[in-house]
Structures are given as structure tokens and as C-alpha cells.
Amino acid sequence: MSNPCIICVAITGSLPRKENNPAVPITIEEQIESTQAAFEAGATIAHCHVRNDDQTPTSDPEKFGRLLEGLRKHCPGMIVQLSTGGRSGAGEERGGMLPLKPDMASLSVGSNNFPTRVYENSPQLVDWLAEEMLKYDIKPEIEAFDLSHIHQAVNLSKQGKLKAPLYVQFVMGVKNAMPADKPTFDFYIETLKRLAPDAQWCGAGVGPNQLMLNEWSIAAGGHTRTGLEDNVRLDRDTLAPSNAALVERAVALCEKYERPVATWQQAREILGLPQPA
């Protein structure tokens, strides 16, 4: 296949801590340094969360602003995607950083179970986040934890609440949500192509499923996500030394399946994002 593969690196997330892997970047400075190394290894999207000094998650716009500024300086051209995820805040607090106008932001369009809680995304909150993304010209990455989320994203797009073409990420392997199941993965692709033929998609696997989803996605012609947010290990016995090491593993899979790794210019073109001035 000759179509370039976009590699997204989820650098930090809300859950992994230094106790789980010392390489998890917590401070803004650590995140910028880790992302720069991942960018140089081949990642062209940085999926970003921010943390407090005690490593707990936050949606603090000031912290997001400093991270965004640093990434634009040290990773010129890289697509910066800020998280509006539910572990970092409640209600509209989750979108408080959207006025910063990142290239992209994550958007979960429905609720589902997580390991110990319900990941709640009410229709009212989804509509508000989508409106804010339209207002600030931010491309959403639809995080699909369930088949219904694909249908909901397409419905929102048809209503003009999400700009087409859609970019949908299939998240698999979260406990109590959709498992990493190959027939389901294939059906996700088939369903998205049927409902939104111009959509782009990405596969993300959590924990030990990360490498498997990387391979499934690259082999099927899609894009993929890696990074310490989803998986702190290279294998059961080995901690990942960096985000860059996980990106390098995805790059090797691209070589295996003869997929070129997308440059940041190609990634922006594929996703319909403007080239930086």
C-alpha cells in the first residue's frame, strides 16, 4: 500500500504515573521533550493531556496553553490535539482549553463503561463541545469506544455539528468497553466506510492490545495511535523507555506492510488541516 500512515502519539494521558513507568512525562517541560523525540521518530499527531504537580489530571487552560506553545516551538508542523476527556474535569470545564485553537481536539460522542466508572458524555455536553470546536475551527477526533459512537458521529456530521470529513478513532481494549476483537474491528471499518465514505480512521489499543491494534490498523490501510498514555510497556517484562520507542515500533510495522509514514505535511493534507504559516 502506498497511502501514508499517520502515527499519533498519546504522550501522557490521565492515569499512568511515574510509579508505573519513570518515563511517563508529567511536567510541561517533560512532555515537550518527550513529544519532540516522538515527532523526530515519526509521530505527526500529539494527543495531549496535562497534569498537576501531584500527577493528578487537570483541564487547566493555562497548562494546556504552555504545552501548546512549547510544542509549536519545538515540533514545528506537528498536529497538536488536546484532550477533552472526562477524567480531567467535569462538564464544560472539559472544553475550557478550546479557545486556545489547537489543530485538533478529542471528542467522545457517547457514554460507556470504564474499568471502575461510567465515562459520561451527555448529549448536551457533546453538542456544546462540538459547537466550541466549530467556533474555533478545531478538527475533532471522534473517539469511538462503541459501535453506536460511529453512528452518532455520522449523525452529528449530517446535522452540521461536526465538519466533514470525519476522523474516527476506534478505541479497543478498555476494560468493560469494547474488547480488542478482530471481527468487530473489521466491522467498524466496514460500517464507517458505508456511512461516511470520505472519513479517515485510526486504531488505538489499550495496554497489551496496543501493538495488536497498531498492526491491524497499518495492515488495513488506516492510521494508528501509540504512546505511554495507553501502554507503559514494550512487553510483559519490559517497560517502554520513552514515547519515541513506541513510535519506532509503529514505524517498523509500517515498513513491514510497505506503508510510508506520513510526514506532518502529508498528515495535514490527509486530515484537511491548514499548513502552518
C-alpha atoms as a PDB file:
ATOM      1  CA  MET A   1       0.000   0.000   0.000  1.00  0.00           C
ATOM      2  CA  SER A   2       1.253   3.448  -0.858  1.00  0.00           C
ATOM      3  CA  ASN A   3      -1.094   5.542   1.296  1.00  0.00           C
ATOM      4  CA  PRO A   4       0.834   7.212   4.130  1.00  0.00           C
ATOM      5  CA  CYS A   5       0.093   6.166   7.705  1.00  0.00           C
ATOM      6  CA  ILE A   6      -0.399   8.897  10.298  1.00  0.00           C
ATOM      7  CA  ILE A   7       1.084   7.954  13.668  1.00  0.00           C
ATOM      8  CA  CYS A   8      -0.473   9.623  16.702  1.00  0.00           C
ATOM      9  CA  VAL A   9       1.437   9.608  19.980  1.00  0.00           C
ATOM     10  CA  ALA A  10      -0.594   9.839  23.189  1.00  0.00           C
ATOM     11  CA  ILE A  11       2.171  11.120  25.388  1.00  0.00           C
ATOM     12  CA  THR A  12       0.770  11.251  28.907  1.00  0.00           C
ATOM     13  CA  GLY A  13      -2.931  10.617  29.469  1.00  0.00           C
ATOM     14  CA  SER A  14      -4.635  10.912  32.845  1.00  0.00           C
ATOM     15  CA  LEU A  15      -3.728   7.637  34.563  1.00  0.00           C
ATOM     16  CA  PRO A  16      -0.096   6.461  34.107  1.00  0.00           C
ATOM     17  CA  ARG A  17       2.209   7.732  36.828  1.00  0.00           C
ATOM     18  CA  LYS A  18       5.941   7.777  37.450  1.00  0.00           C
ATOM     19  CA  GLU A  19       5.413   4.786  39.746  1.00  0.00           C
ATOM     20  CA  ASN A  20       4.135   2.807  36.733  1.00  0.00           C
ATOM     21  CA  ASN A  21       6.966   3.915  34.451  1.00  0.00           C
ATOM     22  CA  PRO A  22       9.506   6.660  35.208  1.00  0.00           C
ATOM     23  CA  ALA A  23       9.450   7.630  31.511  1.00  0.00           C
ATOM     24  CA  VAL A  24       5.867   8.947  31.733  1.00  0.00           C
ATOM     25  CA  PRO A  25       6.202  12.708  31.157  1.00  0.00           C
ATOM     26  CA  ILE A  26       4.293  14.729  33.762  1.00  0.00           C
ATOM     27  CA  THR A  27       5.575  18.313  33.758  1.00  0.00           C
ATOM     28  CA  ILE A  28       5.090  20.563  30.749  1.00  0.00           C
ATOM     29  CA  GLU A  29       8.834  20.511  30.132  1.00  0.00           C
ATOM     30  CA  GLU A  30       8.957  16.702  30.224  1.00  0.00           C
ATOM     31  CA  GLN A  31       6.007  16.467  27.851  1.00  0.00           C
ATOM     32  CA  ILE A  32       7.584  18.839  25.337  1.00  0.00           C
ATOM     33  CA  GLU A  33      10.877  16.921  25.412  1.00  0.00           C
ATOM     34  CA  SER A  34       9.147  13.536  25.093  1.00  0.00           C
ATOM     35  CA  THR A  35       6.928  14.738  22.254  1.00  0.00           C
ATOM     36  CA  GLN A  36       9.859  16.215  20.347  1.00  0.00           C
ATOM     37  CA  ALA A  37      11.637  12.849  20.433  1.00  0.00           C
ATOM     38  CA  ALA A  38       8.441  11.090  19.290  1.00  0.00           C
ATOM     39  CA  PHE A  39       7.997  13.653  16.499  1.00  0.00           C
ATOM     40  CA  GLU A  40      11.526  13.034  15.290  1.00  0.00           C
ATOM     41  CA  ALA A  41      10.807   9.266  15.379  1.00  0.00           C
ATOM     42  CA  GLY A  42       7.804   9.659  13.048  1.00  0.00           C
ATOM     43  CA  ALA A  43       4.721  10.740  15.023  1.00  0.00           C
ATOM     44  CA  THR A  44       2.797  13.601  13.429  1.00  0.00           C
ATOM     45  CA  ILE A  45      -0.114  13.992  15.900  1.00  0.00           C
ATOM     46  CA  ALA A  46       0.440  14.644  19.610  1.00  0.00           C
ATOM     47  CA  HIS A  47      -2.574  13.715  21.743  1.00  0.00           C
ATOM     48  CA  CYS A  48      -2.174  15.793  24.894  1.00  0.00           C
ATOM     49  CA  HIS A  49      -3.355  15.846  28.494  1.00  0.00           C
ATOM     50  CA  VAL A  50      -1.922  17.964  31.307  1.00  0.00           C
ATOM     51  CA  ARG A  51      -1.246  17.109  34.951  1.00  0.00           C
ATOM     52  CA  ASN A  52      -0.955  18.853  38.290  1.00  0.00           C
ATOM     53  CA  ASP A  53       2.285  18.731  40.258  1.00  0.00           C
ATOM     54  CA  ASP A  54       0.956  15.719  42.193  1.00  0.00           C
ATOM     55  CA  GLN A  55       0.419  13.882  38.850  1.00  0.00           C
ATOM     56  CA  THR A  56      -3.387  14.114  39.034  1.00  0.00           C
ATOM     57  CA  PRO A  57      -5.145  15.083  35.780  1.00  0.00           C
ATOM     58  CA  THR A  58      -6.486  18.565  35.116  1.00  0.00           C
ATOM     59  CA  SER A  59      -8.134  20.562  32.331  1.00  0.00           C
ATOM     60  CA  ASP A  60      -6.304  23.761  33.334  1.00  0.00           C
ATOM     61  CA  PRO A  61      -6.240  26.013  30.220  1.00  0.00           C
ATOM     62  CA  GLU A  62      -3.068  27.728  31.451  1.00  0.00           C
ATOM     63  CA  LYS A  63      -1.165  24.448  31.490  1.00  0.00           C
ATOM     64  CA  PHE A  64      -2.567  23.488  28.084  1.00  0.00           C
ATOM     65  CA  GLY A  65      -1.514  26.892  26.785  1.00  0.00           C
ATOM     66  CA  ARG A  66       2.085  26.446  27.911  1.00  0.00           C
ATOM     67  CA  LEU A  67       2.186  22.953  26.421  1.00  0.00           C
ATOM     68  CA  LEU A  68       0.714  24.121  23.112  1.00  0.00           C
ATOM     69  CA  GLU A  69       3.206  26.980  22.902  1.00  0.00           C
ATOM     70  CA  GLY A  70       6.138  24.661  23.608  1.00  0.00           C
ATOM     71  CA  LEU A  71       5.057  22.047  21.096  1.00  0.00           C
ATOM     72  CA  ARG A  72       4.579  24.621  18.352  1.00  0.00           C
ATOM     73  CA  LYS A  73       8.077  25.908  19.051  1.00  0.00           C
ATOM     74  CA  HIS A  74       9.927  22.602  19.348  1.00  0.00           C
ATOM     75  CA  CYS A  75       7.820  20.421  16.999  1.00  0.00           C
ATOM     76  CA  PRO A  76       7.059  22.798  14.115  1.00  0.00           C
ATOM     77  CA  GLY A  77       4.301  21.455  11.869  1.00  0.00           C
ATOM     78  CA  MET A  78       3.225  18.688  14.235  1.00  0.00           C
ATOM     79  CA  ILE A  79      -0.557  18.428  14.710  1.00  0.00           C
ATOM     80  CA  VAL A  80      -1.443  19.197  18.324  1.00  0.00           C
ATOM     81  CA  GLN A  81      -4.597  17.519  19.608  1.00  0.00           C
ATOM     82  CA  LEU A  82      -5.852  18.482  23.072  1.00  0.00           C
ATOM     83  CA  SER A  83      -7.969  16.086  25.113  1.00  0.00           C
ATOM     84  CA  THR A  84     -11.464  16.953  26.314  1.00  0.00           C
ATOM     85  CA  GLY A  85     -11.610  13.632  28.157  1.00  0.00           C
ATOM     86  CA  GLY A  86     -13.719  13.079  31.234  1.00  0.00           C
ATOM     87  CA  ARG A  87     -11.020  12.106  33.713  1.00  0.00           C
ATOM     88  CA  SER A  88      -9.598  15.637  33.715  1.00  0.00           C
ATOM     89  CA  GLY A  89     -12.679  17.665  34.607  1.00  0.00           C
ATOM     90  CA  ALA A  90     -16.457  17.835  34.658  1.00  0.00           C
ATOM     91  CA  GLY A  91     -18.969  19.387  32.281  1.00  0.00           C
ATOM     92  CA  GLU A  92     -17.888  22.389  30.257  1.00  0.00           C
ATOM     93  CA  GLU A  93     -14.622  22.525  32.221  1.00  0.00           C
ATOM     94  CA  ARG A  94     -13.512  19.749  29.868  1.00  0.00           C
ATOM     95  CA  GLY A  95     -13.542  22.192  26.934  1.00  0.00           C
ATOM     96  CA  GLY A  96     -12.019  25.166  28.702  1.00  0.00           C
ATOM     97  CA  MET A  97      -8.858  24.949  26.587  1.00  0.00           C
ATOM     98  CA  LEU A  98     -10.629  25.067  23.209  1.00  0.00           C
ATOM     99  CA  PRO A  99     -10.275  28.878  22.850  1.00  0.00           C
ATOM    100  CA  LEU A 100      -6.527  28.171  22.516  1.00  0.00           C
ATOM    101  CA  LYS A 101      -7.401  26.924  18.994  1.00  0.00           C
ATOM    102  CA  PRO A 102      -5.345  23.725  18.793  1.00  0.00           C
ATOM    103  CA  ASP A 103      -5.310  21.927  15.443  1.00  0.00           C
ATOM    104  CA  MET A 104      -7.496  19.139  16.828  1.00  0.00           C
ATOM    105  CA  ALA A 105      -9.302  18.037  19.972  1.00  0.00           C
ATOM    106  CA  SER A 106     -10.654  14.679  21.049  1.00  0.00           C
ATOM    107  CA  LEU A 107     -14.428  14.278  21.184  1.00  0.00           C
ATOM    108  CA  SER A 108     -16.285  11.338  22.700  1.00  0.00           C
ATOM    109  CA  VAL A 109     -19.840  11.387  21.339  1.00  0.00           C
ATOM    110  CA  GLY A 110     -21.453   8.900  23.729  1.00  0.00           C
ATOM    111  CA  SER A 111     -21.155   7.286  27.142  1.00  0.00           C
ATOM    112  CA  ASN A 112     -19.766   3.862  28.015  1.00  0.00           C
ATOM    113  CA  ASN A 113     -18.331   1.895  30.901  1.00  0.00           C
ATOM    114  CA  PHE A 114     -14.719   2.286  32.001  1.00  0.00           C
ATOM    115  CA  PRO A 115     -12.868  -0.072  34.390  1.00  0.00           C
ATOM    116  CA  THR A 116     -14.314   1.458  37.587  1.00  0.00           C
ATOM    117  CA  ARG A 117     -16.778   4.137  36.452  1.00  0.00           C
ATOM    118  CA  VAL A 118     -19.122   5.315  33.760  1.00  0.00           C
ATOM    119  CA  TYR A 119     -17.478   7.553  31.169  1.00  0.00           C
ATOM    120  CA  GLU A 120     -20.340  10.002  30.874  1.00  0.00           C
ATOM    121  CA  ASN A 121     -20.804  12.097  27.753  1.00  0.00           C
ATOM    122  CA  SER A 122     -24.308  13.526  27.789  1.00  0.00           C
ATOM    123  CA  PRO A 123     -25.897  14.709  24.526  1.00  0.00           C
ATOM    124  CA  GLN A 124     -25.902  18.261  25.883  1.00  0.00           C
ATOM    125  CA  LEU A 125     -22.170  18.200  26.638  1.00  0.00           C
ATOM    126  CA  VAL A 126     -21.350  16.565  23.305  1.00  0.00           C
ATOM    127  CA  ASP A 127     -23.330  19.250  21.463  1.00  0.00           C
ATOM    128  CA  TRP A 128     -21.578  22.019  23.416  1.00  0.00           C
ATOM    129  CA  LEU A 129     -18.098  20.626  22.789  1.00  0.00           C
ATOM    130  CA  ALA A 130     -18.913  20.175  19.089  1.00  0.00           C
ATOM    131  CA  GLU A 131     -20.167  23.781  18.886  1.00  0.00           C
ATOM    132  CA  GLU A 132     -16.981  25.056  20.511  1.00  0.00           C
ATOM    133  CA  MET A 133     -14.860  23.097  18.035  1.00  0.00           C
ATOM    134  CA  LEU A 134     -16.792  24.583  15.118  1.00  0.00           C
ATOM    135  CA  LYS A 135     -16.496  28.048  16.671  1.00  0.00           C
ATOM    136  CA  TYR A 136     -12.714  27.850  16.967  1.00  0.00           C
ATOM    137  CA  ASP A 137     -12.152  25.875  13.737  1.00  0.00           C
ATOM    138  CA  ILE A 138     -10.799  22.808  15.555  1.00  0.00           C
ATOM    139  CA  LYS A 139     -10.987  19.412  13.872  1.00  0.00           C
ATOM    140  CA  PRO A 140     -12.454  16.799  16.226  1.00  0.00           C
ATOM    141  CA  GLU A 141     -11.031  13.337  16.558  1.00  0.00           C
ATOM    142  CA  ILE A 142     -14.042  11.145  17.313  1.00  0.00           C
ATOM    143  CA  GLU A 143     -13.126   8.625  19.992  1.00  0.00           C
ATOM    144  CA  ALA A 144     -15.348   5.590  19.355  1.00  0.00           C
ATOM    145  CA  PHE A 145     -15.475   3.253  22.338  1.00  0.00           C
ATOM    146  CA  ASP A 146     -18.574   1.523  20.954  1.00  0.00           C
ATOM    147  CA  LEU A 147     -20.245   0.887  17.611  1.00  0.00           C
ATOM    148  CA  SER A 148     -23.025   3.344  18.435  1.00  0.00           C
ATOM    149  CA  HIS A 149     -20.448   6.136  18.636  1.00  0.00           C
ATOM    150  CA  ILE A 150     -19.665   5.717  14.927  1.00  0.00           C
ATOM    151  CA  HIS A 151     -23.345   6.076  14.063  1.00  0.00           C
ATOM    152  CA  GLN A 152     -23.685   9.079  16.366  1.00  0.00           C
ATOM    153  CA  ALA A 153     -20.675  10.831  14.813  1.00  0.00           C
ATOM    154  CA  VAL A 154     -22.128  10.372  11.339  1.00  0.00           C
ATOM    155  CA  ASN A 155     -25.499  11.728  12.523  1.00  0.00           C
ATOM    156  CA  LEU A 156     -23.842  14.783  14.072  1.00  0.00           C
ATOM    157  CA  SER A 157     -21.922  15.375  10.846  1.00  0.00           C
ATOM    158  CA  LYS A 158     -25.119  15.190   8.787  1.00  0.00           C
ATOM    159  CA  GLN A 159     -26.673  17.753  11.140  1.00  0.00           C
ATOM    160  CA  GLY A 160     -23.758  20.109  10.508  1.00  0.00           C
ATOM    161  CA  LYS A 161     -22.474  19.818  14.086  1.00  0.00           C
ATOM    162  CA  LEU A 162     -19.214  18.170  13.001  1.00  0.00           C
ATOM    163  CA  LYS A 163     -17.222  19.233   9.995  1.00  0.00           C
ATOM    164  CA  ALA A 164     -16.737  16.574   7.352  1.00  0.00           C
ATOM    165  CA  PRO A 165     -14.720  14.612   6.540  1.00  0.00           C
ATOM    166  CA  LEU A 166     -14.776  12.797   9.857  1.00  0.00           C
ATOM    167  CA  TYR A 167     -11.709  11.435  11.615  1.00  0.00           C
ATOM    168  CA  VAL A 168     -12.708   8.491  13.823  1.00  0.00           C
ATOM    169  CA  GLN A 169     -10.509   6.604  16.247  1.00  0.00           C
ATOM    170  CA  PHE A 170     -11.533   3.071  17.200  1.00  0.00           C
ATOM    171  CA  VAL A 171     -10.546   2.579  20.853  1.00  0.00           C
ATOM    172  CA  MET A 172     -10.360  -1.084  21.836  1.00  0.00           C
ATOM    173  CA  GLY A 173      -9.211  -2.952  24.907  1.00  0.00           C
ATOM    174  CA  VAL A 174     -10.584  -0.689  27.655  1.00  0.00           C
ATOM    175  CA  LYS A 175     -11.936  -2.941  30.407  1.00  0.00           C
ATOM    176  CA  ASN A 176     -15.770  -3.038  30.371  1.00  0.00           C
ATOM    177  CA  ALA A 177     -15.866  -1.331  26.964  1.00  0.00           C
ATOM    178  CA  MET A 178     -15.166  -2.785  23.503  1.00  0.00           C
ATOM    179  CA  PRO A 179     -12.514  -5.533  23.604  1.00  0.00           C
ATOM    180  CA  ALA A 180      -9.786  -5.867  21.011  1.00  0.00           C
ATOM    181  CA  ASP A 181     -11.704  -8.226  18.739  1.00  0.00           C
ATOM    182  CA  LYS A 182     -10.667  -8.551  15.085  1.00  0.00           C
ATOM    183  CA  PRO A 183     -14.126  -9.244  13.569  1.00  0.00           C
ATOM    184  CA  THR A 184     -15.501  -6.217  15.452  1.00  0.00           C
ATOM    185  CA  PHE A 185     -12.570  -4.106  14.262  1.00  0.00           C
ATOM    186  CA  ASP A 186     -13.250  -5.158  10.668  1.00  0.00           C
ATOM    187  CA  PHE A 187     -16.942  -4.348  11.111  1.00  0.00           C
ATOM    188  CA  TYR A 188     -16.036  -0.886  12.452  1.00  0.00           C
ATOM    189  CA  ILE A 189     -14.110  -0.201   9.256  1.00  0.00           C
ATOM    190  CA  GLU A 190     -16.904  -1.562   7.068  1.00  0.00           C
ATOM    191  CA  THR A 191     -19.541   0.467   8.926  1.00  0.00           C
ATOM    192  CA  LEU A 192     -17.599   3.727   8.748  1.00  0.00           C
ATOM    193  CA  LYS A 193     -16.881   3.276   5.039  1.00  0.00           C
ATOM    194  CA  ARG A 194     -20.569   2.591   4.393  1.00  0.00           C
ATOM    195  CA  LEU A 195     -21.882   5.533   6.406  1.00  0.00           C
ATOM    196  CA  ALA A 196     -19.125   8.069   5.713  1.00  0.00           C
ATOM    197  CA  PRO A 197     -17.086   7.029   2.650  1.00  0.00           C
ATOM    198  CA  ASP A 198     -14.817  10.087   2.896  1.00  0.00           C
ATOM    199  CA  ALA A 199     -13.924   9.528   6.567  1.00  0.00           C
ATOM    200  CA  GLN A 200     -10.431   8.704   7.803  1.00  0.00           C
ATOM    201  CA  TRP A 201      -9.897   6.342  10.716  1.00  0.00           C
ATOM    202  CA  CYS A 202      -7.315   5.362  13.309  1.00  0.00           C
ATOM    203  CA  GLY A 203      -6.949   2.345  15.606  1.00  0.00           C
ATOM    204  CA  ALA A 204      -5.905   2.585  19.266  1.00  0.00           C
ATOM    205  CA  GLY A 205      -5.365  -0.372  21.585  1.00  0.00           C
ATOM    206  CA  VAL A 206      -5.032  -0.081  25.338  1.00  0.00           C
ATOM    207  CA  GLY A 207      -2.402  -1.936  27.370  1.00  0.00           C
ATOM    208  CA  PRO A 208      -1.139  -5.168  25.780  1.00  0.00           C
ATOM    209  CA  ASN A 209      -3.575  -4.595  22.902  1.00  0.00           C
ATOM    210  CA  GLN A 210      -1.604  -1.590  21.650  1.00  0.00           C
ATOM    211  CA  LEU A 211       0.804  -3.470  19.404  1.00  0.00           C
ATOM    212  CA  MET A 212      -2.003  -5.635  18.023  1.00  0.00           C
ATOM    213  CA  LEU A 213      -4.146  -2.601  17.102  1.00  0.00           C
ATOM    214  CA  ASN A 214      -1.108  -0.915  15.579  1.00  0.00           C
ATOM    215  CA  GLU A 215      -0.619  -3.909  13.308  1.00  0.00           C
ATOM    216  CA  TRP A 216      -4.307  -4.357  12.451  1.00  0.00           C
ATOM    217  CA  SER A 217      -4.641  -0.672  11.567  1.00  0.00           C
ATOM    218  CA  ILE A 218      -1.492  -0.409   9.487  1.00  0.00           C
ATOM    219  CA  ALA A 219      -2.251  -3.645   7.634  1.00  0.00           C
ATOM    220  CA  ALA A 220      -5.807  -2.463   6.857  1.00  0.00           C
ATOM    221  CA  GLY A 221      -4.683   0.881   5.430  1.00  0.00           C
ATOM    222  CA  GLY A 222      -5.695   3.071   8.357  1.00  0.00           C
ATOM    223  CA  HIS A 223      -3.805   5.266  10.785  1.00  0.00           C
ATOM    224  CA  THR A 224      -2.697   4.322  14.287  1.00  0.00           C
ATOM    225  CA  ARG A 225      -2.021   5.574  17.802  1.00  0.00           C
ATOM    226  CA  THR A 226       0.662   4.613  20.269  1.00  0.00           C
ATOM    227  CA  GLY A 227       2.203   6.151  23.367  1.00  0.00           C
ATOM    228  CA  LEU A 228       2.615   5.884  27.117  1.00  0.00           C
ATOM    229  CA  GLU A 229      -0.964   7.018  27.817  1.00  0.00           C
ATOM    230  CA  ASP A 230      -2.273   3.695  26.533  1.00  0.00           C
ATOM    231  CA  ASN A 231       0.592   1.350  27.354  1.00  0.00           C
ATOM    232  CA  VAL A 232       3.686   1.770  29.531  1.00  0.00           C
ATOM    233  CA  ARG A 233       5.385  -1.447  28.349  1.00  0.00           C
ATOM    234  CA  LEU A 234       7.135  -2.842  25.314  1.00  0.00           C
ATOM    235  CA  ASP A 235       6.193  -6.322  26.515  1.00  0.00           C
ATOM    236  CA  ARG A 236       5.139  -8.025  29.722  1.00  0.00           C
ATOM    237  CA  ASP A 237       8.638  -7.853  31.170  1.00  0.00           C
ATOM    238  CA  THR A 238       9.963  -4.584  29.708  1.00  0.00           C
ATOM    239  CA  LEU A 239       8.936  -1.015  30.425  1.00  0.00           C
ATOM    240  CA  ALA A 240       8.916   1.276  27.403  1.00  0.00           C
ATOM    241  CA  PRO A 241      11.904   3.623  27.724  1.00  0.00           C
ATOM    242  CA  SER A 242      10.087   6.503  26.002  1.00  0.00           C
ATOM    243  CA  ASN A 243       7.204   7.544  23.811  1.00  0.00           C
ATOM    244  CA  ALA A 244       9.676   7.590  20.936  1.00  0.00           C
ATOM    245  CA  ALA A 245      10.390   3.872  21.429  1.00  0.00           C
ATOM    246  CA  LEU A 246       6.692   3.090  20.991  1.00  0.00           C
ATOM    247  CA  VAL A 247       6.561   5.273  17.883  1.00  0.00           C
ATOM    248  CA  GLU A 248       9.606   3.470  16.468  1.00  0.00           C
ATOM    249  CA  ARG A 249       7.756   0.175  16.909  1.00  0.00           C
ATOM    250  CA  ALA A 250       4.821   1.528  14.859  1.00  0.00           C
ATOM    251  CA  VAL A 251       7.242   2.798  12.208  1.00  0.00           C
ATOM    252  CA  ALA A 252       8.720  -0.705  11.940  1.00  0.00           C
ATOM    253  CA  LEU A 253       5.231  -2.091  11.313  1.00  0.00           C
ATOM    254  CA  CYS A 254       4.726   0.474   8.562  1.00  0.00           C
ATOM    255  CA  GLU A 255       7.901  -0.826   6.947  1.00  0.00           C
ATOM    256  CA  LYS A 256       6.661  -4.410   7.322  1.00  0.00           C
ATOM    257  CA  TYR A 257       3.447  -3.592   5.449  1.00  0.00           C
ATOM    258  CA  GLU A 258       5.159  -1.227   2.988  1.00  0.00           C
ATOM    259  CA  ARG A 259       3.264   1.789   4.273  1.00  0.00           C
ATOM    260  CA  PRO A 260       5.113   5.108   4.153  1.00  0.00           C
ATOM    261  CA  VAL A 261       4.976   7.019   7.440  1.00  0.00           C
ATOM    262  CA  ALA A 262       3.119  10.284   6.850  1.00  0.00           C
ATOM    263  CA  THR A 263       5.133  13.465   7.165  1.00  0.00           C
ATOM    264  CA  TRP A 264       3.475  16.285   9.060  1.00  0.00           C
ATOM    265  CA  GLN A 265       2.730  17.968   5.723  1.00  0.00           C
ATOM    266  CA  GLN A 266       1.026  14.799   4.428  1.00  0.00           C
ATOM    267  CA  ALA A 267      -0.852  14.301   7.700  1.00  0.00           C
ATOM    268  CA  ARG A 268      -2.243  17.816   7.496  1.00  0.00           C
ATOM    269  CA  GLU A 269      -3.282  17.284   3.894  1.00  0.00           C
ATOM    270  CA  ILE A 270      -4.967  13.942   4.675  1.00  0.00           C
ATOM    271  CA  LEU A 271      -6.910  15.464   7.574  1.00  0.00           C
ATOM    272  CA  GLY A 272      -7.780  18.703   5.788  1.00  0.00           C
ATOM    273  CA  LEU A 273      -5.782  20.858   8.190  1.00  0.00           C
ATOM    274  CA  PRO A 274      -4.035  24.048   7.089  1.00  0.00           C
ATOM    275  CA  GLN A 275      -0.283  24.110   6.703  1.00  0.00           C
ATOM    276  CA  PRO A 276       1.292  26.430   9.316  1.00  0.00           C
ATOM    277  CA  ALA A 277       2.334  29.850   8.118  1.00  0.00           C
END
